[in-house]
């Protein structure tokens, strides 16, 4: 799975989060920060991670979630890492 595919999938997930301004989703990159750039409440990151698990058919360990940063690339890296473990 390509990194851009994962980013595109994350943007689809983010479009369902009502606290995120849809205009801010037009230029999401790996460096986009969920909290600083998209004003995502930190509590929402857990829900985004859960939706990413469903979308990409992966299961994150609790440690993975705890260590996850707040940038898009952090979730992209995590999806790739978990897929590689499977």
PDB file of N, CA and C in Angstrom:
ATOM      1  N   UNK A   1       0.841  -1.180   0.000  1.00  0.00           N
ATOM      2  CA  UNK A   1       0.000   0.000   0.000  1.00  0.00           C
ATOM      3  C   UNK A   1       0.890   1.248   0.000  1.00  0.00           C
ATOM      4  N   UNK A   2       0.599   2.156  -0.899  1.00  0.00           N
ATOM      5  CA  UNK A   2       1.393   3.373  -1.031  1.00  0.00           C
ATOM      6  C   UNK A   2       1.052   4.385   0.055  1.00  0.00           C
ATOM      7  N   UNK A   3       2.026   5.200   0.416  1.00  0.00           N
ATOM      8  CA  UNK A   3       1.815   6.225   1.446  1.00  0.00           C
ATOM      9  C   UNK A   3       0.677   7.169   1.048  1.00  0.00           C
ATOM     10  N   UNK A   4       0.640   7.556  -0.236  1.00  0.00           N
ATOM     11  CA  UNK A   4      -0.402   8.495  -0.675  1.00  0.00           C
ATOM     12  C   UNK A   4      -1.797   7.876  -0.555  1.00  0.00           C
ATOM     13  N   UNK A   5      -1.891   6.572  -0.803  1.00  0.00           N
ATOM     14  CA  UNK A   5      -3.188   5.887  -0.630  1.00  0.00           C
ATOM     15  C   UNK A   5      -3.657   6.002   0.816  1.00  0.00           C
ATOM     16  N   UNK A   6      -2.715   5.849   1.734  1.00  0.00           N
ATOM     17  CA  UNK A   6      -3.064   5.931   3.152  1.00  0.00           C
ATOM     18  C   UNK A   6      -3.480   7.358   3.502  1.00  0.00           C
ATOM     19  N   UNK A   7      -2.739   8.341   2.990  1.00  0.00           N
ATOM     20  CA  UNK A   7      -3.101   9.744   3.248  1.00  0.00           C
ATOM     21  C   UNK A   7      -4.495  10.027   2.703  1.00  0.00           C
ATOM     22  N   UNK A   8      -4.777   9.564   1.485  1.00  0.00           N
ATOM     23  CA  UNK A   8      -6.101   9.779   0.891  1.00  0.00           C
ATOM     24  C   UNK A   8      -7.188   9.143   1.756  1.00  0.00           C
ATOM     25  N   UNK A   9      -6.911   7.945   2.267  1.00  0.00           N
ATOM     26  CA  UNK A   9      -7.867   7.276   3.143  1.00  0.00           C
ATOM     27  C   UNK A   9      -8.070   8.043   4.434  1.00  0.00           C
ATOM     28  N   UNK A  10      -6.983   8.598   4.975  1.00  0.00           N
ATOM     29  CA  UNK A  10      -7.098   9.395   6.204  1.00  0.00           C
ATOM     30  C   UNK A  10      -7.929  10.647   5.971  1.00  0.00           C
ATOM     31  N   UNK A  11      -7.747  11.271   4.808  1.00  0.00           N
ATOM     32  CA  UNK A  11      -8.541  12.466   4.498  1.00  0.00           C
ATOM     33  C   UNK A  11     -10.023  12.104   4.441  1.00  0.00           C
ATOM     34  N   UNK A  12     -10.337  10.941   3.871  1.00  0.00           N
ATOM     35  CA  UNK A  12     -11.736  10.485   3.859  1.00  0.00           C
ATOM     36  C   UNK A  12     -12.264  10.361   5.289  1.00  0.00           C
ATOM     37  N   UNK A  13     -11.457   9.787   6.162  1.00  0.00           N
ATOM     38  CA  UNK A  13     -11.853   9.650   7.569  1.00  0.00           C
ATOM     39  C   UNK A  13     -12.037  11.037   8.192  1.00  0.00           C
ATOM     40  N   UNK A  14     -11.091  11.932   7.934  1.00  0.00           N
ATOM     41  CA  UNK A  14     -11.136  13.266   8.536  1.00  0.00           C
ATOM     42  C   UNK A  14     -12.354  14.059   8.080  1.00  0.00           C
ATOM     43  N   UNK A  15     -12.836  13.777   6.872  1.00  0.00           N
ATOM     44  CA  UNK A  15     -14.036  14.473   6.388  1.00  0.00           C
ATOM     45  C   UNK A  15     -15.271  14.121   7.218  1.00  0.00           C
ATOM     46  N   UNK A  16     -15.210  13.015   7.963  1.00  0.00           N
ATOM     47  CA  UNK A  16     -16.352  12.613   8.797  1.00  0.00           C
ATOM     48  C   UNK A  16     -16.269  13.210  10.206  1.00  0.00           C
ATOM     49  N   UNK A  17     -15.158  13.885  10.512  1.00  0.00           N
ATOM     50  CA  UNK A  17     -14.979  14.477  11.846  1.00  0.00           C
ATOM     51  C   UNK A  17     -15.523  15.898  11.805  1.00  0.00           C
ATOM     52  N   UNK A  18     -16.621  16.109  12.503  1.00  0.00           N
ATOM     53  CA  UNK A  18     -17.315  17.393  12.380  1.00  0.00           C
ATOM     54  C   UNK A  18     -16.557  18.576  12.957  1.00  0.00           C
ATOM     55  N   UNK A  19     -15.559  18.321  13.809  1.00  0.00           N
ATOM     56  CA  UNK A  19     -14.805  19.426  14.396  1.00  0.00           C
ATOM     57  C   UNK A  19     -13.699  19.942  13.474  1.00  0.00           C
ATOM     58  N   UNK A  20     -13.476  19.260  12.347  1.00  0.00           N
ATOM     59  CA  UNK A  20     -12.420  19.678  11.414  1.00  0.00           C
ATOM     60  C   UNK A  20     -13.041  20.462  10.261  1.00  0.00           C
ATOM     61  N   UNK A  21     -12.471  21.616   9.987  1.00  0.00           N
ATOM     62  CA  UNK A  21     -12.912  22.458   8.879  1.00  0.00           C
ATOM     63  C   UNK A  21     -12.568  21.755   7.558  1.00  0.00           C
ATOM     64  N   UNK A  22     -13.575  21.427   6.746  1.00  0.00           N
ATOM     65  CA  UNK A  22     -13.316  20.701   5.487  1.00  0.00           C
ATOM     66  C   UNK A  22     -12.348  21.429   4.561  1.00  0.00           C
ATOM     67  N   UNK A  23     -12.315  22.761   4.627  1.00  0.00           N
ATOM     68  CA  UNK A  23     -11.383  23.527   3.788  1.00  0.00           C
ATOM     69  C   UNK A  23      -9.926  23.185   4.091  1.00  0.00           C
ATOM     70  N   UNK A  24      -9.662  22.837   5.341  1.00  0.00           N
ATOM     71  CA  UNK A  24      -8.290  22.532   5.740  1.00  0.00           C
ATOM     72  C   UNK A  24      -7.830  21.170   5.233  1.00  0.00           C
ATOM     73  N   UNK A  25      -8.754  20.374   4.691  1.00  0.00           N
ATOM     74  CA  UNK A  25      -8.406  19.023   4.228  1.00  0.00           C
ATOM     75  C   UNK A  25      -7.965  18.985   2.771  1.00  0.00           C
ATOM     76  N   UNK A  26      -7.956  20.141   2.125  1.00  0.00           N
ATOM     77  CA  UNK A  26      -7.599  20.169   0.705  1.00  0.00           C
ATOM     78  C   UNK A  26      -6.111  19.993   0.453  1.00  0.00           C
ATOM     79  N   UNK A  27      -5.275  20.327   1.421  1.00  0.00           N
ATOM     80  CA  UNK A  27      -3.828  20.267   1.211  1.00  0.00           C
ATOM     81  C   UNK A  27      -3.124  19.454   2.290  1.00  0.00           C
ATOM     82  N   UNK A  28      -3.709  18.325   2.671  1.00  0.00           N
ATOM     83  CA  UNK A  28      -3.109  17.497   3.713  1.00  0.00           C
ATOM     84  C   UNK A  28      -1.871  16.788   3.163  1.00  0.00           C
ATOM     85  N   UNK A  29      -0.774  16.891   3.918  1.00  0.00           N
ATOM     86  CA  UNK A  29       0.463  16.184   3.566  1.00  0.00           C
ATOM     87  C   UNK A  29       0.891  15.364   4.778  1.00  0.00           C
ATOM     88  N   UNK A  30       1.992  14.650   4.641  1.00  0.00           N
ATOM     89  CA  UNK A  30       2.490  13.862   5.768  1.00  0.00           C
ATOM     90  C   UNK A  30       2.896  14.766   6.935  1.00  0.00           C
ATOM     91  N   UNK A  31       3.237  16.013   6.641  1.00  0.00           N
ATOM     92  CA  UNK A  31       3.668  16.940   7.682  1.00  0.00           C
ATOM     93  C   UNK A  31       2.503  17.667   8.356  1.00  0.00           C
ATOM     94  N   UNK A  32       1.291  17.463   7.852  1.00  0.00           N
ATOM     95  CA  UNK A  32       0.129  18.101   8.472  1.00  0.00           C
ATOM     96  C   UNK A  32      -0.023  17.582   9.894  1.00  0.00           C
ATOM     97  N   UNK A  33      -0.200  18.500  10.821  1.00  0.00           N
ATOM     98  CA  UNK A  33      -0.370  18.147  12.228  1.00  0.00           C
ATOM     99  C   UNK A  33      -1.860  18.197  12.562  1.00  0.00           C
ATOM    100  N   UNK A  34      -2.379  17.087  13.075  1.00  0.00           N
ATOM    101  CA  UNK A  34      -3.808  17.014  13.392  1.00  0.00           C
ATOM    102  C   UNK A  34      -4.227  18.124  14.361  1.00  0.00           C
ATOM    103  N   UNK A  35      -3.402  18.360  15.359  1.00  0.00           N
ATOM    104  CA  UNK A  35      -3.774  19.307  16.407  1.00  0.00           C
ATOM    105  C   UNK A  35      -3.478  20.751  15.977  1.00  0.00           C
ATOM    106  N   UNK A  36      -2.251  21.016  15.537  1.00  0.00           N
ATOM    107  CA  UNK A  36      -1.851  22.382  15.202  1.00  0.00           C
ATOM    108  C   UNK A  36      -2.487  22.885  13.901  1.00  0.00           C
ATOM    109  N   UNK A  37      -2.508  22.022  12.862  1.00  0.00           N
ATOM    110  CA  UNK A  37      -2.981  22.475  11.552  1.00  0.00           C
ATOM    111  C   UNK A  37      -4.480  22.298  11.338  1.00  0.00           C
ATOM    112  N   UNK A  38      -5.034  21.231  11.888  1.00  0.00           N
ATOM    113  CA  UNK A  38      -6.452  20.932  11.647  1.00  0.00           C
ATOM    114  C   UNK A  38      -7.335  21.235  12.858  1.00  0.00           C
ATOM    115  N   UNK A  39      -6.719  21.691  13.949  1.00  0.00           N
ATOM    116  CA  UNK A  39      -7.465  21.997  15.188  1.00  0.00           C
ATOM    117  C   UNK A  39      -8.280  20.812  15.682  1.00  0.00           C
ATOM    118  N   UNK A  40      -7.731  19.619  15.503  1.00  0.00           N
ATOM    119  CA  UNK A  40      -8.414  18.413  15.965  1.00  0.00           C
ATOM    120  C   UNK A  40      -8.239  18.295  17.476  1.00  0.00           C
ATOM    121  N   UNK A  41      -9.331  18.096  18.226  1.00  0.00           N
ATOM    122  CA  UNK A  41      -9.162  17.866  19.664  1.00  0.00           C
ATOM    123  C   UNK A  41      -8.324  16.598  19.873  1.00  0.00           C
ATOM    124  N   UNK A  42      -7.418  16.638  20.837  1.00  0.00           N
ATOM    125  CA  UNK A  42      -6.536  15.483  21.052  1.00  0.00           C
ATOM    126  C   UNK A  42      -7.336  14.220  21.354  1.00  0.00           C
ATOM    127  N   UNK A  43      -8.498  14.379  21.983  1.00  0.00           N
ATOM    128  CA  UNK A  43      -9.333  13.211  22.272  1.00  0.00           C
ATOM    129  C   UNK A  43      -9.852  12.565  20.986  1.00  0.00           C
ATOM    130  N   UNK A  44      -9.953  13.345  19.936  1.00  0.00           N
ATOM    131  CA  UNK A  44     -10.460  12.836  18.656  1.00  0.00           C
ATOM    132  C   UNK A  44      -9.431  11.956  17.955  1.00  0.00           C
ATOM    133  N   UNK A  45      -8.160  12.101  18.308  1.00  0.00           N
ATOM    134  CA  UNK A  45      -7.108  11.298  17.665  1.00  0.00           C
ATOM    135  C   UNK A  45      -7.333   9.804  17.876  1.00  0.00           C
ATOM    136  N   UNK A  46      -7.855   9.434  19.037  1.00  0.00           N
ATOM    137  CA  UNK A  46      -8.138   8.023  19.313  1.00  0.00           C
ATOM    138  C   UNK A  46      -9.203   7.509  18.343  1.00  0.00           C
ATOM    139  N   UNK A  47     -10.248   8.319  18.126  1.00  0.00           N
ATOM    140  CA  UNK A  47     -11.305   7.922  17.191  1.00  0.00           C
ATOM    141  C   UNK A  47     -10.777   7.821  15.765  1.00  0.00           C
ATOM    142  N   UNK A  48      -9.911   8.751  15.392  1.00  0.00           N
ATOM    143  CA  UNK A  48      -9.329   8.715  14.049  1.00  0.00           C
ATOM    144  C   UNK A  48      -8.490   7.448  13.891  1.00  0.00           C
ATOM    145  N   UNK A  49      -7.719   7.111  14.919  1.00  0.00           N
ATOM    146  CA  UNK A  49      -6.905   5.887  14.871  1.00  0.00           C
ATOM    147  C   UNK A  49      -7.806   4.659  14.748  1.00  0.00           C
ATOM    148  N   UNK A  50      -8.918   4.638  15.483  1.00  0.00           N
ATOM    149  CA  UNK A  50      -9.849   3.503  15.419  1.00  0.00           C
ATOM    150  C   UNK A  50     -10.456   3.384  14.021  1.00  0.00           C
ATOM    151  N   UNK A  51     -10.816   4.513  13.434  1.00  0.00           N
ATOM    152  CA  UNK A  51     -11.384   4.488  12.076  1.00  0.00           C
ATOM    153  C   UNK A  51     -10.328   4.052  11.062  1.00  0.00           C
ATOM    154  N   UNK A  52      -9.075   4.441  11.299  1.00  0.00           N
ATOM    155  CA  UNK A  52      -7.983   4.027  10.407  1.00  0.00           C
ATOM    156  C   UNK A  52      -7.788   2.510  10.490  1.00  0.00           C
ATOM    157  N   UNK A  53      -7.923   1.954  11.689  1.00  0.00           N
ATOM    158  CA  UNK A  53      -7.811   0.496  11.841  1.00  0.00           C
ATOM    159  C   UNK A  53      -8.851  -0.200  10.969  1.00  0.00           C
ATOM    160  N   UNK A  54     -10.084   0.288  11.011  1.00  0.00           N
ATOM    161  CA  UNK A  54     -11.157  -0.320  10.216  1.00  0.00           C
ATOM    162  C   UNK A  54     -10.889  -0.147   8.732  1.00  0.00           C
ATOM    163  N   UNK A  55     -10.548   1.067   8.339  1.00  0.00           N
ATOM    164  CA  UNK A  55     -10.385   1.374   6.917  1.00  0.00           C
ATOM    165  C   UNK A  55      -9.257   0.558   6.281  1.00  0.00           C
ATOM    166  N   UNK A  56      -8.147   0.425   7.015  1.00  0.00           N
ATOM    167  CA  UNK A  56      -6.970  -0.234   6.445  1.00  0.00           C
ATOM    168  C   UNK A  56      -6.821  -1.675   6.911  1.00  0.00           C
ATOM    169  N   UNK A  57      -7.822  -2.177   7.635  1.00  0.00           N
ATOM    170  CA  UNK A  57      -7.846  -3.563   8.086  1.00  0.00           C
ATOM    171  C   UNK A  57      -6.580  -3.927   8.855  1.00  0.00           C
ATOM    172  N   UNK A  58      -6.275  -3.105   9.858  1.00  0.00           N
ATOM    173  CA  UNK A  58      -5.131  -3.344  10.731  1.00  0.00           C
ATOM    174  C   UNK A  58      -5.592  -3.215  12.181  1.00  0.00           C
ATOM    175  N   UNK A  59      -4.749  -3.669  13.088  1.00  0.00           N
ATOM    176  CA  UNK A  59      -5.059  -3.511  14.507  1.00  0.00           C
ATOM    177  C   UNK A  59      -3.821  -2.972  15.205  1.00  0.00           C
ATOM    178  N   UNK A  60      -3.949  -1.770  15.752  1.00  0.00           N
ATOM    179  CA  UNK A  60      -2.837  -1.139  16.445  1.00  0.00           C
ATOM    180  C   UNK A  60      -2.748  -1.672  17.869  1.00  0.00           C
ATOM    181  N   UNK A  61      -1.515  -1.842  18.351  1.00  0.00           N
ATOM    182  CA  UNK A  61      -1.307  -2.175  19.759  1.00  0.00           C
ATOM    183  C   UNK A  61      -1.516  -0.908  20.583  1.00  0.00           C
ATOM    184  N   UNK A  62      -1.843  -1.083  21.851  1.00  0.00           N
ATOM    185  CA  UNK A  62      -2.000   0.078  22.723  1.00  0.00           C
ATOM    186  C   UNK A  62      -0.722   0.911  22.755  1.00  0.00           C
ATOM    187  N   UNK A  63       0.435   0.231  22.749  1.00  0.00           N
ATOM    188  CA  UNK A  63       1.709   0.957  22.752  1.00  0.00           C
ATOM    189  C   UNK A  63       1.868   1.799  21.495  1.00  0.00           C
ATOM    190  N   UNK A  64       1.393   1.262  20.354  1.00  0.00           N
ATOM    191  CA  UNK A  64       1.465   2.014  19.100  1.00  0.00           C
ATOM    192  C   UNK A  64       0.685   3.320  19.231  1.00  0.00           C
ATOM    193  N   UNK A  65      -0.510   3.215  19.793  1.00  0.00           N
ATOM    194  CA  UNK A  65      -1.376   4.393  19.955  1.00  0.00           C
ATOM    195  C   UNK A  65      -0.726   5.381  20.932  1.00  0.00           C
ATOM    196  N   UNK A  66      -0.191   4.859  22.030  1.00  0.00           N
ATOM    197  CA  UNK A  66       0.429   5.727  23.041  1.00  0.00           C
ATOM    198  C   UNK A  66       1.626   6.482  22.472  1.00  0.00           C
ATOM    199  N   UNK A  67       2.372   5.827  21.582  1.00  0.00           N
ATOM    200  CA  UNK A  67       3.589   6.432  21.033  1.00  0.00           C
ATOM    201  C   UNK A  67       3.327   7.284  19.793  1.00  0.00           C
ATOM    202  N   UNK A  68       2.108   7.259  19.298  1.00  0.00           N
ATOM    203  CA  UNK A  68       1.779   7.956  18.058  1.00  0.00           C
ATOM    204  C   UNK A  68       1.872   9.466  18.246  1.00  0.00           C
ATOM    205  N   UNK A  69       2.504  10.118  17.294  1.00  0.00           N
ATOM    206  CA  UNK A  69       2.582  11.572  17.318  1.00  0.00           C
ATOM    207  C   UNK A  69       1.302  12.166  16.762  1.00  0.00           C
ATOM    208  N   UNK A  70       1.330  13.463  16.505  1.00  0.00           N
ATOM    209  CA  UNK A  70       0.107  14.129  16.048  1.00  0.00           C
ATOM    210  C   UNK A  70       0.159  14.529  14.579  1.00  0.00           C
ATOM    211  N   UNK A  71       1.147  13.998  13.846  1.00  0.00           N
ATOM    212  CA  UNK A  71       1.225  14.319  12.415  1.00  0.00           C
ATOM    213  C   UNK A  71       0.643  13.178  11.575  1.00  0.00           C
ATOM    214  N   UNK A  72       0.201  13.538  10.388  1.00  0.00           N
ATOM    215  CA  UNK A  72      -0.365  12.546   9.462  1.00  0.00           C
ATOM    216  C   UNK A  72       0.646  11.425   9.222  1.00  0.00           C
ATOM    217  N   UNK A  73       1.932  11.774   9.073  1.00  0.00           N
ATOM    218  CA  UNK A  73       2.939  10.744   8.781  1.00  0.00           C
ATOM    219  C   UNK A  73       3.028   9.712   9.902  1.00  0.00           C
ATOM    220  N   UNK A  74       2.678  10.105  11.128  1.00  0.00           N
ATOM    221  CA  UNK A  74       2.746   9.160  12.244  1.00  0.00           C
ATOM    222  C   UNK A  74       1.738   8.024  12.056  1.00  0.00           C
ATOM    223  N   UNK A  75       0.549   8.354  11.586  1.00  0.00           N
ATOM    224  CA  UNK A  75      -0.448   7.300  11.337  1.00  0.00           C
ATOM    225  C   UNK A  75      -0.074   6.512  10.084  1.00  0.00           C
ATOM    226  N   UNK A  76       0.444   7.196   9.065  1.00  0.00           N
ATOM    227  CA  UNK A  76       0.876   6.504   7.839  1.00  0.00           C
ATOM    228  C   UNK A  76       1.956   5.477   8.189  1.00  0.00           C
ATOM    229  N   UNK A  77       2.957   5.909   8.970  1.00  0.00           N
ATOM    230  CA  UNK A  77       4.026   4.997   9.378  1.00  0.00           C
ATOM    231  C   UNK A  77       3.480   3.824  10.173  1.00  0.00           C
ATOM    232  N   UNK A  78       2.518   4.105  11.030  1.00  0.00           N
ATOM    233  CA  UNK A  78       1.947   3.072  11.884  1.00  0.00           C
ATOM    234  C   UNK A  78       1.181   2.035  11.060  1.00  0.00           C
ATOM    235  N   UNK A  79       0.392   2.491  10.094  1.00  0.00           N
ATOM    236  CA  UNK A  79      -0.344   1.555   9.234  1.00  0.00           C
ATOM    237  C   UNK A  79       0.641   0.659   8.483  1.00  0.00           C
ATOM    238  N   UNK A  80       1.699   1.256   7.934  1.00  0.00           N
ATOM    239  CA  UNK A  80       2.693   0.481   7.188  1.00  0.00           C
ATOM    240  C   UNK A  80       3.398  -0.518   8.110  1.00  0.00           C
ATOM    241  N   UNK A  81       3.750  -0.072   9.307  1.00  0.00           N
ATOM    242  CA  UNK A  81       4.434  -0.948  10.280  1.00  0.00           C
ATOM    243  C   UNK A  81       3.571  -2.148  10.656  1.00  0.00           C
ATOM    244  N   UNK A  82       2.291  -1.883  10.938  1.00  0.00           N
ATOM    245  CA  UNK A  82       1.393  -2.967  11.349  1.00  0.00           C
ATOM    246  C   UNK A  82       1.148  -3.932  10.184  1.00  0.00           C
ATOM    247  N   UNK A  83       0.994  -3.396   8.987  1.00  0.00           N
ATOM    248  CA  UNK A  83       0.799  -4.269   7.812  1.00  0.00           C
ATOM    249  C   UNK A  83       2.026  -5.150   7.598  1.00  0.00           C
ATOM    250  N   UNK A  84       3.218  -4.607   7.858  1.00  0.00           N
ATOM    251  CA  UNK A  84       4.455  -5.369   7.691  1.00  0.00           C
ATOM    252  C   UNK A  84       4.556  -6.490   8.731  1.00  0.00           C
ATOM    253  N   UNK A  85       3.974  -6.276   9.899  1.00  0.00           N
ATOM    254  CA  UNK A  85       4.004  -7.298  10.959  1.00  0.00           C
ATOM    255  C   UNK A  85       3.078  -8.463  10.657  1.00  0.00           C
ATOM    256  N   UNK A  86       2.051  -8.190   9.861  1.00  0.00           N
ATOM    257  CA  UNK A  86       1.022  -9.218   9.619  1.00  0.00           C
ATOM    258  C   UNK A  86       1.567 -10.393   8.828  1.00  0.00           C
TER     259      UNK A  86
END
